Amino acid sequence: MRILPAIDIIEGKCVRLSKGDYDTKKIYNENPLEVALAFQDHGIEYLHLVDLDGAKSSKIINHKVLEQIASKTNLKIDFGGGLKSDDDLRIAFECGANQITGGSIAVKNPEVFQDWIQKYGAEKIILGADIKNEKIAVSGWLEESENEAIPFIQSYQAKGIEYVISTDIAKDGMLQGPSFDLYKKILAECENIKLIASGGISKFEELPQLAELGCEATIIGKAIYEGRISLRELEQFILKTN
C-alpha cells in the first residue's frame, strides 16, 4: 500500500482543516516545500497536494506551490482542488503534477471529466469521491449532491476510471480513525478499483488494517502534523512493504 502524505494549501501555506470547514484552518508551516523535503528525506515517494483556495474558487490558484515542489523534489504528486477546465488541467500537468484529482467537476460537468479520462488516460486521472452521509459532496465540501457514493463510483468505472480517492468528510481531520466499513463496502461493490483511503487516520496501527482491506494507498494528513504518526514510522512501513 502506497503512503501519500497530504499538503493542503491556503494562501501558499501548509494548513489542515477539520471536516472540510475553512473556519477551522490551522497553519502548520508557511513553507510547503520544507514539508515536502522532509517527507522525501524519510523515503516517501508520493504526495497528495490540495489547492484549497482553488477548491473554493472556479480555477486553479496555488499552481506555483505545485511547480516549486515538483521542481525541487522527486515526489510523484497528485494534485487536486479547483480543477474545472482544460486550461486548469494543462497548467497542473505543466507545473509537474503526475496525476490530478477531479471531484466537483465529475459531478457538475461529467462530459469534461470524461474527456479528461479519454485524453490523458486512467493512470493520470483520479476520481475524487468525497462522501457525506453516503452522498457525494462538492465545491470544497460546501455542497452535498444527490449522487449516491457507490453508484457514482461504479458509473465512472464504466467510463474507464481506475483510481478513486474516497474521503469520509465526517472523519476528515478528526483523528478518530478511518471509515473502514465504508472502504470495505466500496471495495466489495466496485470491482478492481484502486482505492485511496483518506480521512481520519489517527495512529500507525490503522495503516496495516487499510492495507489488509485492499486499499491501494492511503492519504495521511493531520496525524503527521500533530505527531500521532512519525515520519520514521512511515519510513519503516514503506521499507517493510516494498
C-alpha atoms as a PDB file:
ATOM      1  CA  MET A   1       0.000   0.000   0.000  1.00  0.00           C
ATOM      2  CA  ARG A   2       1.352   3.390  -1.012  1.00  0.00           C
ATOM      3  CA  ILE A   3       1.650   6.171   1.557  1.00  0.00           C
ATOM      4  CA  LEU A   4       0.555   9.642   0.432  1.00  0.00           C
ATOM      5  CA  PRO A   5       1.169  12.383   2.969  1.00  0.00           C
ATOM      6  CA  ALA A   6      -1.066  15.389   2.347  1.00  0.00           C
ATOM      7  CA  ILE A   7      -0.182  19.034   1.972  1.00  0.00           C
ATOM      8  CA  ASP A   8      -3.236  21.299   1.842  1.00  0.00           C
ATOM      9  CA  ILE A   9      -2.583  24.838   0.648  1.00  0.00           C
ATOM     10  CA  ILE A  10      -4.314  28.095   1.550  1.00  0.00           C
ATOM     11  CA  GLU A  11      -2.576  31.352   0.536  1.00  0.00           C
ATOM     12  CA  GLY A  12       0.592  29.393  -0.203  1.00  0.00           C
ATOM     13  CA  LYS A  13       0.809  27.934   3.320  1.00  0.00           C
ATOM     14  CA  CYS A  14       0.538  24.366   4.580  1.00  0.00           C
ATOM     15  CA  VAL A  15      -2.723  24.051   6.561  1.00  0.00           C
ATOM     16  CA  ARG A  16      -5.232  21.480   7.815  1.00  0.00           C
ATOM     17  CA  LEU A  17      -8.982  21.765   8.218  1.00  0.00           C
ATOM     18  CA  SER A  18     -11.462  19.711  10.260  1.00  0.00           C
ATOM     19  CA  LYS A  19     -14.387  18.185   8.307  1.00  0.00           C
ATOM     20  CA  GLY A  20     -13.524  20.481   5.399  1.00  0.00           C
ATOM     21  CA  ASP A  21     -14.552  23.578   7.387  1.00  0.00           C
ATOM     22  CA  TYR A  22     -12.431  26.555   6.299  1.00  0.00           C
ATOM     23  CA  ASP A  23     -13.112  28.269   9.654  1.00  0.00           C
ATOM     24  CA  THR A  24     -11.101  25.525  11.401  1.00  0.00           C
ATOM     25  CA  LYS A  25      -7.942  26.335   9.423  1.00  0.00           C
ATOM     26  CA  LYS A  26      -4.689  25.680  11.278  1.00  0.00           C
ATOM     27  CA  ILE A  27      -1.380  26.711   9.699  1.00  0.00           C
ATOM     28  CA  TYR A  28       1.369  24.125  10.217  1.00  0.00           C
ATOM     29  CA  ASN A  29       4.102  25.564   8.041  1.00  0.00           C
ATOM     30  CA  GLU A  30       4.424  28.673   5.895  1.00  0.00           C
ATOM     31  CA  ASN A  31       6.788  26.827   3.555  1.00  0.00           C
ATOM     32  CA  PRO A  32       5.200  23.763   1.888  1.00  0.00           C
ATOM     33  CA  LEU A  33       8.482  22.918   0.125  1.00  0.00           C
ATOM     34  CA  GLU A  34      10.156  22.431   3.507  1.00  0.00           C
ATOM     35  CA  VAL A  35       7.412  19.957   4.460  1.00  0.00           C
ATOM     36  CA  ALA A  36       7.709  18.104   1.129  1.00  0.00           C
ATOM     37  CA  LEU A  37      11.512  17.816   1.500  1.00  0.00           C
ATOM     38  CA  ALA A  38      11.073  16.333   4.994  1.00  0.00           C
ATOM     39  CA  PHE A  39       8.744  13.697   3.519  1.00  0.00           C
ATOM     40  CA  GLN A  40      11.258  12.871   0.792  1.00  0.00           C
ATOM     41  CA  ASP A  41      14.085  12.601   3.351  1.00  0.00           C
ATOM     42  CA  HIS A  42      12.125   9.793   5.043  1.00  0.00           C
ATOM     43  CA  GLY A  43      11.793   7.645   1.944  1.00  0.00           C
ATOM     44  CA  ILE A  44       8.335   8.865   0.959  1.00  0.00           C
ATOM     45  CA  GLU A  45       7.830   8.858  -2.811  1.00  0.00           C
ATOM     46  CA  TYR A  46       4.326  10.282  -3.191  1.00  0.00           C
ATOM     47  CA  LEU A  47       2.487  13.451  -2.248  1.00  0.00           C
ATOM     48  CA  HIS A  48      -1.193  14.426  -2.196  1.00  0.00           C
ATOM     49  CA  LEU A  49      -1.276  18.187  -2.806  1.00  0.00           C
ATOM     50  CA  VAL A  50      -4.563  20.068  -2.496  1.00  0.00           C
ATOM     51  CA  ASP A  51      -5.252  23.635  -3.586  1.00  0.00           C
ATOM     52  CA  LEU A  52      -7.930  24.603  -1.044  1.00  0.00           C
ATOM     53  CA  ASP A  53      -8.150  28.129  -2.451  1.00  0.00           C
ATOM     54  CA  GLY A  54      -8.802  26.554  -5.847  1.00  0.00           C
ATOM     55  CA  ALA A  55     -11.457  24.230  -4.397  1.00  0.00           C
ATOM     56  CA  LYS A  56     -13.455  27.261  -3.254  1.00  0.00           C
ATOM     57  CA  SER A  57     -12.929  29.250  -6.433  1.00  0.00           C
ATOM     58  CA  SER A  58     -13.537  28.478 -10.082  1.00  0.00           C
ATOM     59  CA  LYS A  59      -9.930  27.828 -11.129  1.00  0.00           C
ATOM     60  CA  ILE A  60      -6.509  26.602 -10.096  1.00  0.00           C
ATOM     61  CA  ILE A  61      -4.836  29.075  -7.688  1.00  0.00           C
ATOM     62  CA  ASN A  62      -1.751  27.597  -5.990  1.00  0.00           C
ATOM     63  CA  HIS A  63      -0.022  26.139  -9.060  1.00  0.00           C
ATOM     64  CA  LYS A  64       3.240  27.913  -8.148  1.00  0.00           C
ATOM     65  CA  VAL A  65       3.456  25.785  -4.992  1.00  0.00           C
ATOM     66  CA  LEU A  66       2.971  22.683  -7.141  1.00  0.00           C
ATOM     67  CA  GLU A  67       5.677  23.855  -9.536  1.00  0.00           C
ATOM     68  CA  GLN A  68       8.124  24.555  -6.718  1.00  0.00           C
ATOM     69  CA  ILE A  69       7.651  21.162  -5.041  1.00  0.00           C
ATOM     70  CA  ALA A  70       7.721  19.285  -8.359  1.00  0.00           C
ATOM     71  CA  SER A  71      10.929  21.012  -9.498  1.00  0.00           C
ATOM     72  CA  LYS A  72      12.798  20.699  -6.167  1.00  0.00           C
ATOM     73  CA  THR A  73      11.828  17.187  -5.051  1.00  0.00           C
ATOM     74  CA  ASN A  74      11.448  13.760  -6.686  1.00  0.00           C
ATOM     75  CA  LEU A  75       7.981  13.250  -5.208  1.00  0.00           C
ATOM     76  CA  LYS A  76       5.258  11.940  -7.507  1.00  0.00           C
ATOM     77  CA  ILE A  77       2.454  14.418  -6.939  1.00  0.00           C
ATOM     78  CA  ASP A  78      -1.266  14.018  -7.307  1.00  0.00           C
ATOM     79  CA  PHE A  79      -2.853  17.443  -7.379  1.00  0.00           C
ATOM     80  CA  GLY A  80      -6.440  18.492  -6.781  1.00  0.00           C
ATOM     81  CA  GLY A  81      -8.643  21.393  -5.805  1.00  0.00           C
ATOM     82  CA  GLY A  82     -10.438  23.676  -8.212  1.00  0.00           C
ATOM     83  CA  LEU A  83      -9.590  21.907 -11.463  1.00  0.00           C
ATOM     84  CA  LYS A  84     -12.551  22.994 -13.562  1.00  0.00           C
ATOM     85  CA  SER A  85     -11.298  23.487 -17.127  1.00  0.00           C
ATOM     86  CA  ASP A  86      -8.971  22.051 -19.760  1.00  0.00           C
ATOM     87  CA  ASP A  87      -6.729  25.048 -19.085  1.00  0.00           C
ATOM     88  CA  ASP A  88      -6.527  24.232 -15.355  1.00  0.00           C
ATOM     89  CA  LEU A  89      -5.511  20.687 -16.224  1.00  0.00           C
ATOM     90  CA  ARG A  90      -2.871  21.848 -18.681  1.00  0.00           C
ATOM     91  CA  ILE A  91      -1.402  24.183 -16.014  1.00  0.00           C
ATOM     92  CA  ALA A  92      -1.375  21.393 -13.402  1.00  0.00           C
ATOM     93  CA  PHE A  93       0.469  18.946 -15.659  1.00  0.00           C
ATOM     94  CA  GLU A  94       2.852  21.626 -16.949  1.00  0.00           C
ATOM     95  CA  CYS A  95       3.665  22.551 -13.331  1.00  0.00           C
ATOM     96  CA  GLY A  96       4.684  18.962 -12.584  1.00  0.00           C
ATOM     97  CA  ALA A  97       1.632  17.003 -11.413  1.00  0.00           C
ATOM     98  CA  ASN A  98       1.890  13.269 -12.126  1.00  0.00           C
ATOM     99  CA  GLN A  99      -1.829  12.756 -11.571  1.00  0.00           C
ATOM    100  CA  ILE A 100      -4.765  15.061 -10.974  1.00  0.00           C
ATOM    101  CA  THR A 101      -7.849  14.517  -8.850  1.00  0.00           C
ATOM    102  CA  GLY A 102     -11.235  15.699 -10.079  1.00  0.00           C
ATOM    103  CA  GLY A 103     -14.083  15.884  -7.579  1.00  0.00           C
ATOM    104  CA  SER A 104     -16.691  18.604  -8.161  1.00  0.00           C
ATOM    105  CA  ILE A 105     -16.066  18.574 -11.925  1.00  0.00           C
ATOM    106  CA  ALA A 106     -17.005  14.878 -12.085  1.00  0.00           C
ATOM    107  CA  VAL A 107     -20.422  15.749 -10.616  1.00  0.00           C
ATOM    108  CA  LYS A 108     -21.106  19.137 -12.169  1.00  0.00           C
ATOM    109  CA  ASN A 109     -19.550  18.704 -15.598  1.00  0.00           C
ATOM    110  CA  PRO A 110     -19.234  14.973 -16.304  1.00  0.00           C
ATOM    111  CA  GLU A 111     -18.661  15.494 -20.052  1.00  0.00           C
ATOM    112  CA  VAL A 112     -15.483  17.490 -19.390  1.00  0.00           C
ATOM    113  CA  PHE A 113     -14.248  14.995 -16.791  1.00  0.00           C
ATOM    114  CA  GLN A 114     -14.928  12.098 -19.155  1.00  0.00           C
ATOM    115  CA  ASP A 115     -12.942  13.903 -21.870  1.00  0.00           C
ATOM    116  CA  TRP A 116     -10.000  14.158 -19.468  1.00  0.00           C
ATOM    117  CA  ILE A 117     -10.100  10.387 -18.858  1.00  0.00           C
ATOM    118  CA  GLN A 118     -10.071   9.787 -22.633  1.00  0.00           C
ATOM    119  CA  LYS A 119      -7.385  12.368 -23.352  1.00  0.00           C
ATOM    120  CA  TYR A 120      -4.920  11.706 -20.511  1.00  0.00           C
ATOM    121  CA  GLY A 121      -5.710   8.083 -19.628  1.00  0.00           C
ATOM    122  CA  ALA A 122      -6.814   6.340 -16.442  1.00  0.00           C
ATOM    123  CA  GLU A 123      -3.279   6.410 -14.988  1.00  0.00           C
ATOM    124  CA  LYS A 124      -3.342  10.218 -14.870  1.00  0.00           C
ATOM    125  CA  ILE A 125      -6.878  10.989 -13.711  1.00  0.00           C
ATOM    126  CA  ILE A 126      -8.157  10.189 -10.204  1.00  0.00           C
ATOM    127  CA  LEU A 127     -11.834  10.402  -9.272  1.00  0.00           C
ATOM    128  CA  GLY A 128     -12.315  12.298  -6.018  1.00  0.00           C
ATOM    129  CA  ALA A 129     -15.309  10.744  -4.246  1.00  0.00           C
ATOM    130  CA  ASP A 130     -15.786  12.865  -1.139  1.00  0.00           C
ATOM    131  CA  ILE A 131     -18.629  11.390   0.871  1.00  0.00           C
ATOM    132  CA  LYS A 132     -21.041  12.966   3.344  1.00  0.00           C
ATOM    133  CA  ASN A 133     -23.981  10.891   4.613  1.00  0.00           C
ATOM    134  CA  GLU A 134     -23.271   8.362   1.800  1.00  0.00           C
ATOM    135  CA  LYS A 135     -23.729  11.116  -0.824  1.00  0.00           C
ATOM    136  CA  ILE A 136     -21.025  12.800  -2.912  1.00  0.00           C
ATOM    137  CA  ALA A 137     -20.052  16.294  -1.686  1.00  0.00           C
ATOM    138  CA  VAL A 138     -18.697  19.021  -3.969  1.00  0.00           C
ATOM    139  CA  SER A 139     -17.255  22.572  -4.035  1.00  0.00           C
ATOM    140  CA  GLY A 140     -14.673  22.116  -1.307  1.00  0.00           C
ATOM    141  CA  TRP A 141     -17.288  20.046   0.590  1.00  0.00           C
ATOM    142  CA  LEU A 142     -19.533  23.069   0.899  1.00  0.00           C
ATOM    143  CA  GLU A 143     -22.366  21.364  -1.029  1.00  0.00           C
ATOM    144  CA  GLU A 144     -23.906  17.885  -0.903  1.00  0.00           C
ATOM    145  CA  SER A 145     -25.034  16.419  -4.234  1.00  0.00           C
ATOM    146  CA  GLU A 146     -27.815  13.909  -4.832  1.00  0.00           C
ATOM    147  CA  ASN A 147     -25.348  11.279  -6.084  1.00  0.00           C
ATOM    148  CA  GLU A 148     -25.173   8.087  -4.021  1.00  0.00           C
ATOM    149  CA  ALA A 149     -21.499   7.275  -3.462  1.00  0.00           C
ATOM    150  CA  ILE A 150     -21.177   3.692  -4.738  1.00  0.00           C
ATOM    151  CA  PRO A 151     -23.319   4.011  -7.899  1.00  0.00           C
ATOM    152  CA  PHE A 152     -21.405   7.233  -8.646  1.00  0.00           C
ATOM    153  CA  ILE A 153     -18.053   5.414  -8.445  1.00  0.00           C
ATOM    154  CA  GLN A 154     -19.407   2.484 -10.488  1.00  0.00           C
ATOM    155  CA  SER A 155     -20.638   4.835 -13.211  1.00  0.00           C
ATOM    156  CA  TYR A 156     -17.132   6.249 -13.602  1.00  0.00           C
ATOM    157  CA  GLN A 157     -15.568   2.796 -13.554  1.00  0.00           C
ATOM    158  CA  ALA A 158     -17.706   2.094 -16.610  1.00  0.00           C
ATOM    159  CA  LYS A 159     -16.100   5.176 -18.201  1.00  0.00           C
ATOM    160  CA  GLY A 160     -12.566   3.922 -17.511  1.00  0.00           C
ATOM    161  CA  ILE A 161     -11.672   5.306 -14.067  1.00  0.00           C
ATOM    162  CA  GLU A 162      -9.277   3.106 -12.063  1.00  0.00           C
ATOM    163  CA  TYR A 163      -8.107   5.327  -9.191  1.00  0.00           C
ATOM    164  CA  VAL A 164     -10.550   6.712  -6.616  1.00  0.00           C
ATOM    165  CA  ILE A 165      -9.766   8.834  -3.566  1.00  0.00           C
ATOM    166  CA  SER A 166     -12.568   8.377  -1.074  1.00  0.00           C
ATOM    167  CA  THR A 167     -12.829  10.738   1.892  1.00  0.00           C
ATOM    168  CA  ASP A 168     -15.475  10.396   4.560  1.00  0.00           C
ATOM    169  CA  ILE A 169     -15.910  14.085   5.380  1.00  0.00           C
ATOM    170  CA  ALA A 170     -17.245  13.345   8.870  1.00  0.00           C
ATOM    171  CA  LYS A 171     -13.892  11.727   9.664  1.00  0.00           C
ATOM    172  CA  ASP A 172     -11.556  14.180   7.943  1.00  0.00           C
ATOM    173  CA  GLY A 173      -9.129  15.938  10.277  1.00  0.00           C
ATOM    174  CA  MET A 174     -10.878  14.494  13.347  1.00  0.00           C
ATOM    175  CA  LEU A 175      -8.178  11.917  14.251  1.00  0.00           C
ATOM    176  CA  GLN A 176     -10.879   9.377  15.153  1.00  0.00           C
ATOM    177  CA  GLY A 177      -9.894   6.586  12.769  1.00  0.00           C
ATOM    178  CA  PRO A 178     -10.771   5.969   9.111  1.00  0.00           C
ATOM    179  CA  SER A 179     -14.080   4.681   7.698  1.00  0.00           C
ATOM    180  CA  PHE A 180     -13.180   1.000   7.497  1.00  0.00           C
ATOM    181  CA  ASP A 181     -16.792  -0.040   6.845  1.00  0.00           C
ATOM    182  CA  LEU A 182     -17.195   2.452   4.001  1.00  0.00           C
ATOM    183  CA  TYR A 183     -13.964   1.277   2.330  1.00  0.00           C
ATOM    184  CA  LYS A 184     -14.910  -2.373   2.769  1.00  0.00           C
ATOM    185  CA  LYS A 185     -18.229  -1.656   1.050  1.00  0.00           C
ATOM    186  CA  ILE A 186     -16.621   0.246  -1.836  1.00  0.00           C
ATOM    187  CA  LEU A 187     -14.009  -2.479  -2.391  1.00  0.00           C
ATOM    188  CA  ALA A 188     -16.692  -5.179  -2.322  1.00  0.00           C
ATOM    189  CA  GLU A 189     -19.021  -3.404  -4.774  1.00  0.00           C
ATOM    190  CA  CYS A 190     -16.554  -1.680  -7.113  1.00  0.00           C
ATOM    191  CA  GLU A 191     -14.520  -4.490  -8.616  1.00  0.00           C
ATOM    192  CA  ASN A 192     -10.801  -3.885  -9.366  1.00  0.00           C
ATOM    193  CA  ILE A 193     -10.908  -0.317  -8.065  1.00  0.00           C
ATOM    194  CA  LYS A 194      -7.622   1.217  -6.887  1.00  0.00           C
ATOM    195  CA  LEU A 195      -8.994   2.765  -3.716  1.00  0.00           C
ATOM    196  CA  ILE A 196      -7.073   5.533  -1.974  1.00  0.00           C
ATOM    197  CA  ALA A 197      -8.353   5.887   1.592  1.00  0.00           C
ATOM    198  CA  SER A 198      -8.472   9.388   3.015  1.00  0.00           C
ATOM    199  CA  GLY A 199      -9.695  10.979   6.221  1.00  0.00           C
ATOM    200  CA  GLY A 200      -9.494  10.173   9.912  1.00  0.00           C
ATOM    201  CA  ILE A 201      -6.156   8.330  10.083  1.00  0.00           C
ATOM    202  CA  SER A 202      -5.137   8.739  13.721  1.00  0.00           C
ATOM    203  CA  LYS A 203      -2.485   6.129  14.527  1.00  0.00           C
ATOM    204  CA  PHE A 204       0.056   3.908  12.848  1.00  0.00           C
ATOM    205  CA  GLU A 205      -1.850   0.660  13.580  1.00  0.00           C
ATOM    206  CA  GLU A 206      -4.606   1.708  11.172  1.00  0.00           C
ATOM    207  CA  LEU A 207      -2.262   1.516   8.176  1.00  0.00           C
ATOM    208  CA  PRO A 208      -1.823  -2.295   8.123  1.00  0.00           C
ATOM    209  CA  GLN A 209      -5.601  -2.601   8.608  1.00  0.00           C
ATOM    210  CA  LEU A 210      -6.251  -0.482   5.499  1.00  0.00           C
ATOM    211  CA  ALA A 211      -3.650  -2.492   3.571  1.00  0.00           C
ATOM    212  CA  GLU A 212      -5.355  -5.719   4.636  1.00  0.00           C
ATOM    213  CA  LEU A 213      -8.727  -4.398   3.415  1.00  0.00           C
ATOM    214  CA  GLY A 214      -7.190  -3.969  -0.028  1.00  0.00           C
ATOM    215  CA  CYS A 215      -6.713  -0.191  -0.217  1.00  0.00           C
ATOM    216  CA  GLU A 216      -4.183   0.705  -2.924  1.00  0.00           C
ATOM    217  CA  ALA A 217      -2.956   3.745  -0.981  1.00  0.00           C
ATOM    218  CA  THR A 218      -3.778   5.918   1.997  1.00  0.00           C
ATOM    219  CA  ILE A 219      -3.585   9.669   2.494  1.00  0.00           C
ATOM    220  CA  ILE A 220      -2.318  10.870   5.865  1.00  0.00           C
ATOM    221  CA  GLY A 221      -2.591  14.486   6.941  1.00  0.00           C
ATOM    222  CA  LYS A 222      -3.246  15.757  10.430  1.00  0.00           C
ATOM    223  CA  ALA A 223      -1.881  12.603  12.125  1.00  0.00           C
ATOM    224  CA  ILE A 224       1.570  13.536  10.773  1.00  0.00           C
ATOM    225  CA  TYR A 225       1.307  17.229  11.628  1.00  0.00           C
ATOM    226  CA  GLU A 226       0.021  16.550  15.150  1.00  0.00           C
ATOM    227  CA  GLY A 227       2.759  13.986  15.818  1.00  0.00           C
ATOM    228  CA  ARG A 228       0.404  10.981  16.075  1.00  0.00           C
ATOM    229  CA  ILE A 229       2.333   9.163  13.318  1.00  0.00           C
ATOM    230  CA  SER A 230       6.031   9.892  12.876  1.00  0.00           C
ATOM    231  CA  LEU A 231       7.846  10.104   9.565  1.00  0.00           C
ATOM    232  CA  ARG A 232      10.225   7.471  10.968  1.00  0.00           C
ATOM    233  CA  GLU A 233       7.271   5.044  11.394  1.00  0.00           C
ATOM    234  CA  LEU A 234       6.167   5.720   7.821  1.00  0.00           C
ATOM    235  CA  GLU A 235       9.714   5.145   6.600  1.00  0.00           C
ATOM    236  CA  GLN A 236       9.786   1.744   8.341  1.00  0.00           C
ATOM    237  CA  PHE A 237       6.347   0.824   6.947  1.00  0.00           C
ATOM    238  CA  ILE A 238       7.478   1.674   3.396  1.00  0.00           C
ATOM    239  CA  LEU A 239      10.702  -0.344   3.782  1.00  0.00           C
ATOM    240  CA  LYS A 240       8.752  -3.371   5.075  1.00  0.00           C
ATOM    241  CA  THR A 241       6.069  -3.273   2.392  1.00  0.00           C
ATOM    242  CA  ASN A 242       8.415  -2.708  -0.539  1.00  0.00           C
END
